[in-house]
Amino acid sequence: MNEVEFNDNIDELYVAIEDAVDELEADVDCEISGGVLTLKAPDGSAMIFSRQSASRELWLAARSGGFHYSWVDGQWYCQRTEQSLAQMLAEIGLEQIGEELVLG
């Protein structure tokens, strides 16, 4: 994947995450700045997504740890857990927000 494709994929993902947050009952703040998407949960915890252009990775910092994702077969997969980002967002959302974050 070249840099343009990488950035397009990240931009589409950030929109999908924002849409998923809009569907939540919980009051979660969303902020994008300089390629970083931050979700602030009602309890004050955060989920921070950052694009890593040089390595073509997406990094996620959450209460449960840090995760690095690579684009494989049309999805983001965690290098450590081998789960898709969609699977992990459901779990991490439930843990931090009390609701699953469901990507549409």
C-alpha atoms as a PDB file:
ATOM      1  CA  MET A   1       0.000   0.000   0.000  1.00  0.00           C
ATOM      2  CA  ASN A   2       1.397   3.393  -0.931  1.00  0.00           C
ATOM      3  CA  GLU A   3       1.160   6.490   1.261  1.00  0.00           C
ATOM      4  CA  VAL A   4      -1.927   7.893  -0.485  1.00  0.00           C
ATOM      5  CA  GLU A   5      -3.811   4.607  -0.047  1.00  0.00           C
ATOM      6  CA  PHE A   6      -2.681   4.408   3.578  1.00  0.00           C
ATOM      7  CA  ASN A   7      -3.917   7.917   4.347  1.00  0.00           C
ATOM      8  CA  ASP A   8      -7.213   7.269   2.542  1.00  0.00           C
ATOM      9  CA  ASN A   9      -7.727   4.095   4.601  1.00  0.00           C
ATOM     10  CA  ILE A  10      -6.985   5.915   7.858  1.00  0.00           C
ATOM     11  CA  ASP A  11      -9.275   8.821   6.923  1.00  0.00           C
ATOM     12  CA  GLU A  12     -12.109   6.387   6.151  1.00  0.00           C
ATOM     13  CA  LEU A  13     -11.469   4.565   9.422  1.00  0.00           C
ATOM     14  CA  TYR A  14     -11.563   7.785  11.451  1.00  0.00           C
ATOM     15  CA  VAL A  15     -14.938   8.668   9.886  1.00  0.00           C
ATOM     16  CA  ALA A  16     -16.254   5.166  10.687  1.00  0.00           C
ATOM     17  CA  ILE A  17     -15.074   5.489  14.300  1.00  0.00           C
ATOM     18  CA  GLU A  18     -16.723   8.912  14.624  1.00  0.00           C
ATOM     19  CA  ASP A  19     -19.946   7.441  13.203  1.00  0.00           C
ATOM     20  CA  ALA A  20     -19.748   4.565  15.718  1.00  0.00           C
ATOM     21  CA  VAL A  21     -19.286   7.057  18.569  1.00  0.00           C
ATOM     22  CA  ASP A  22     -22.355   8.989  17.386  1.00  0.00           C
ATOM     23  CA  GLU A  23     -24.413   5.786  17.808  1.00  0.00           C
ATOM     24  CA  LEU A  24     -23.411   5.355  21.464  1.00  0.00           C
ATOM     25  CA  GLU A  25     -25.629   6.315  24.362  1.00  0.00           C
ATOM     26  CA  ALA A  26     -22.562   7.270  26.424  1.00  0.00           C
ATOM     27  CA  ASP A  27     -21.207  10.804  26.169  1.00  0.00           C
ATOM     28  CA  VAL A  28     -17.906  10.247  24.365  1.00  0.00           C
ATOM     29  CA  ASP A  29     -15.928  13.182  22.995  1.00  0.00           C
ATOM     30  CA  CYS A  30     -14.158  12.803  19.637  1.00  0.00           C
ATOM     31  CA  GLU A  31     -11.276  15.023  18.571  1.00  0.00           C
ATOM     32  CA  ILE A  32      -8.983  14.833  15.538  1.00  0.00           C
ATOM     33  CA  SER A  33      -5.764  16.803  15.471  1.00  0.00           C
ATOM     34  CA  GLY A  34      -2.639  16.244  13.401  1.00  0.00           C
ATOM     35  CA  GLY A  35      -3.496  12.703  12.347  1.00  0.00           C
ATOM     36  CA  VAL A  36      -4.470  11.666  15.873  1.00  0.00           C
ATOM     37  CA  LEU A  37      -8.030  10.705  16.823  1.00  0.00           C
ATOM     38  CA  THR A  38      -8.781  10.878  20.549  1.00  0.00           C
ATOM     39  CA  LEU A  39     -11.908   9.444  22.146  1.00  0.00           C
ATOM     40  CA  LYS A  40     -12.549  10.626  25.696  1.00  0.00           C
ATOM     41  CA  ALA A  41     -14.801   8.341  27.732  1.00  0.00           C
ATOM     42  CA  PRO A  42     -17.161   9.590  30.446  1.00  0.00           C
ATOM     43  CA  ASP A  43     -14.807   8.230  33.144  1.00  0.00           C
ATOM     44  CA  GLY A  44     -11.964  10.413  31.831  1.00  0.00           C
ATOM     45  CA  SER A  45     -10.044   7.595  30.165  1.00  0.00           C
ATOM     46  CA  ALA A  46      -9.002   7.939  26.538  1.00  0.00           C
ATOM     47  CA  MET A  47      -8.500   5.870  23.429  1.00  0.00           C
ATOM     48  CA  ILE A  48      -5.886   7.438  21.180  1.00  0.00           C
ATOM     49  CA  PHE A  49      -5.517   6.404  17.538  1.00  0.00           C
ATOM     50  CA  SER A  50      -2.471   7.632  15.632  1.00  0.00           C
ATOM     51  CA  ARG A  51      -1.413   7.111  12.049  1.00  0.00           C
ATOM     52  CA  GLN A  52       2.174   6.029  11.551  1.00  0.00           C
ATOM     53  CA  SER A  53       2.850   6.916   7.928  1.00  0.00           C
ATOM     54  CA  ALA A  54       6.447   5.702   7.790  1.00  0.00           C
ATOM     55  CA  SER A  55       5.541   2.155   8.869  1.00  0.00           C
ATOM     56  CA  ARG A  56       2.004   2.230   7.356  1.00  0.00           C
ATOM     57  CA  GLU A  57       0.540   1.297  10.740  1.00  0.00           C
ATOM     58  CA  LEU A  58      -2.265   2.471  12.963  1.00  0.00           C
ATOM     59  CA  TRP A  59      -1.409   2.645  16.656  1.00  0.00           C
ATOM     60  CA  LEU A  60      -3.998   2.533  19.419  1.00  0.00           C
ATOM     61  CA  ALA A  61      -3.352   3.458  23.041  1.00  0.00           C
ATOM     62  CA  ALA A  62      -6.109   2.311  25.391  1.00  0.00           C
ATOM     63  CA  ARG A  63      -6.442   1.535  29.077  1.00  0.00           C
ATOM     64  CA  SER A  64      -5.781  -2.138  28.269  1.00  0.00           C
ATOM     65  CA  GLY A  65      -2.506  -1.352  26.484  1.00  0.00           C
ATOM     66  CA  GLY A  66      -0.924  -0.274  23.244  1.00  0.00           C
ATOM     67  CA  PHE A  67      -1.680  -1.978  19.944  1.00  0.00           C
ATOM     68  CA  HIS A  68      -0.156  -1.753  16.452  1.00  0.00           C
ATOM     69  CA  TYR A  69      -2.337  -2.526  13.427  1.00  0.00           C
ATOM     70  CA  SER A  70      -1.366  -3.378   9.867  1.00  0.00           C
ATOM     71  CA  TRP A  71      -3.605  -3.371   6.797  1.00  0.00           C
ATOM     72  CA  VAL A  72      -4.144  -6.990   5.691  1.00  0.00           C
ATOM     73  CA  ASP A  73      -6.748  -8.192   3.183  1.00  0.00           C
ATOM     74  CA  GLY A  74      -8.857  -5.054   3.493  1.00  0.00           C
ATOM     75  CA  GLN A  75      -8.874  -4.815   7.301  1.00  0.00           C
ATOM     76  CA  TRP A  76      -6.708  -3.535  10.128  1.00  0.00           C
ATOM     77  CA  TYR A  77      -5.222  -6.405  12.170  1.00  0.00           C
ATOM     78  CA  CYS A  78      -3.364  -6.212  15.461  1.00  0.00           C
ATOM     79  CA  GLN A  79       0.145  -7.572  15.133  1.00  0.00           C
ATOM     80  CA  ARG A  80       0.179  -8.896  18.714  1.00  0.00           C
ATOM     81  CA  THR A  81      -3.309 -10.362  19.150  1.00  0.00           C
ATOM     82  CA  GLU A  82      -4.058 -11.080  15.463  1.00  0.00           C
ATOM     83  CA  GLN A  83      -7.580  -9.730  16.030  1.00  0.00           C
ATOM     84  CA  SER A  84      -9.183  -7.258  13.675  1.00  0.00           C
ATOM     85  CA  LEU A  85      -9.553  -3.675  14.810  1.00  0.00           C
ATOM     86  CA  ALA A  86     -13.339  -4.093  14.622  1.00  0.00           C
ATOM     87  CA  GLN A  87     -13.195  -7.013  17.084  1.00  0.00           C
ATOM     88  CA  MET A  88     -10.897  -5.159  19.443  1.00  0.00           C
ATOM     89  CA  LEU A  89     -12.934  -1.942  19.341  1.00  0.00           C
ATOM     90  CA  ALA A  90     -15.991  -3.870  20.480  1.00  0.00           C
ATOM     91  CA  GLU A  91     -14.016  -5.265  23.439  1.00  0.00           C
ATOM     92  CA  ILE A  92     -12.133  -2.090  24.319  1.00  0.00           C
ATOM     93  CA  GLY A  93     -15.283   0.015  23.942  1.00  0.00           C
ATOM     94  CA  LEU A  94     -17.151  -2.258  26.334  1.00  0.00           C
ATOM     95  CA  GLU A  95     -14.277  -2.070  28.805  1.00  0.00           C
ATOM     96  CA  GLN A  96     -13.725   1.700  28.706  1.00  0.00           C
ATOM     97  CA  ILE A  97     -17.088   3.127  27.690  1.00  0.00           C
ATOM     98  CA  GLY A  98     -19.497   0.431  28.789  1.00  0.00           C
ATOM     99  CA  GLU A  99     -20.709  -0.074  25.211  1.00  0.00           C
ATOM    100  CA  GLU A 100     -19.312  -1.825  22.173  1.00  0.00           C
ATOM    101  CA  LEU A 101     -17.918   0.445  19.475  1.00  0.00           C
ATOM    102  CA  VAL A 102     -19.356  -1.074  16.303  1.00  0.00           C
ATOM    103  CA  LEU A 103     -17.819  -0.087  12.987  1.00  0.00           C
ATOM    104  CA  GLY A 104     -20.450   0.120  10.250  1.00  0.00           C
END
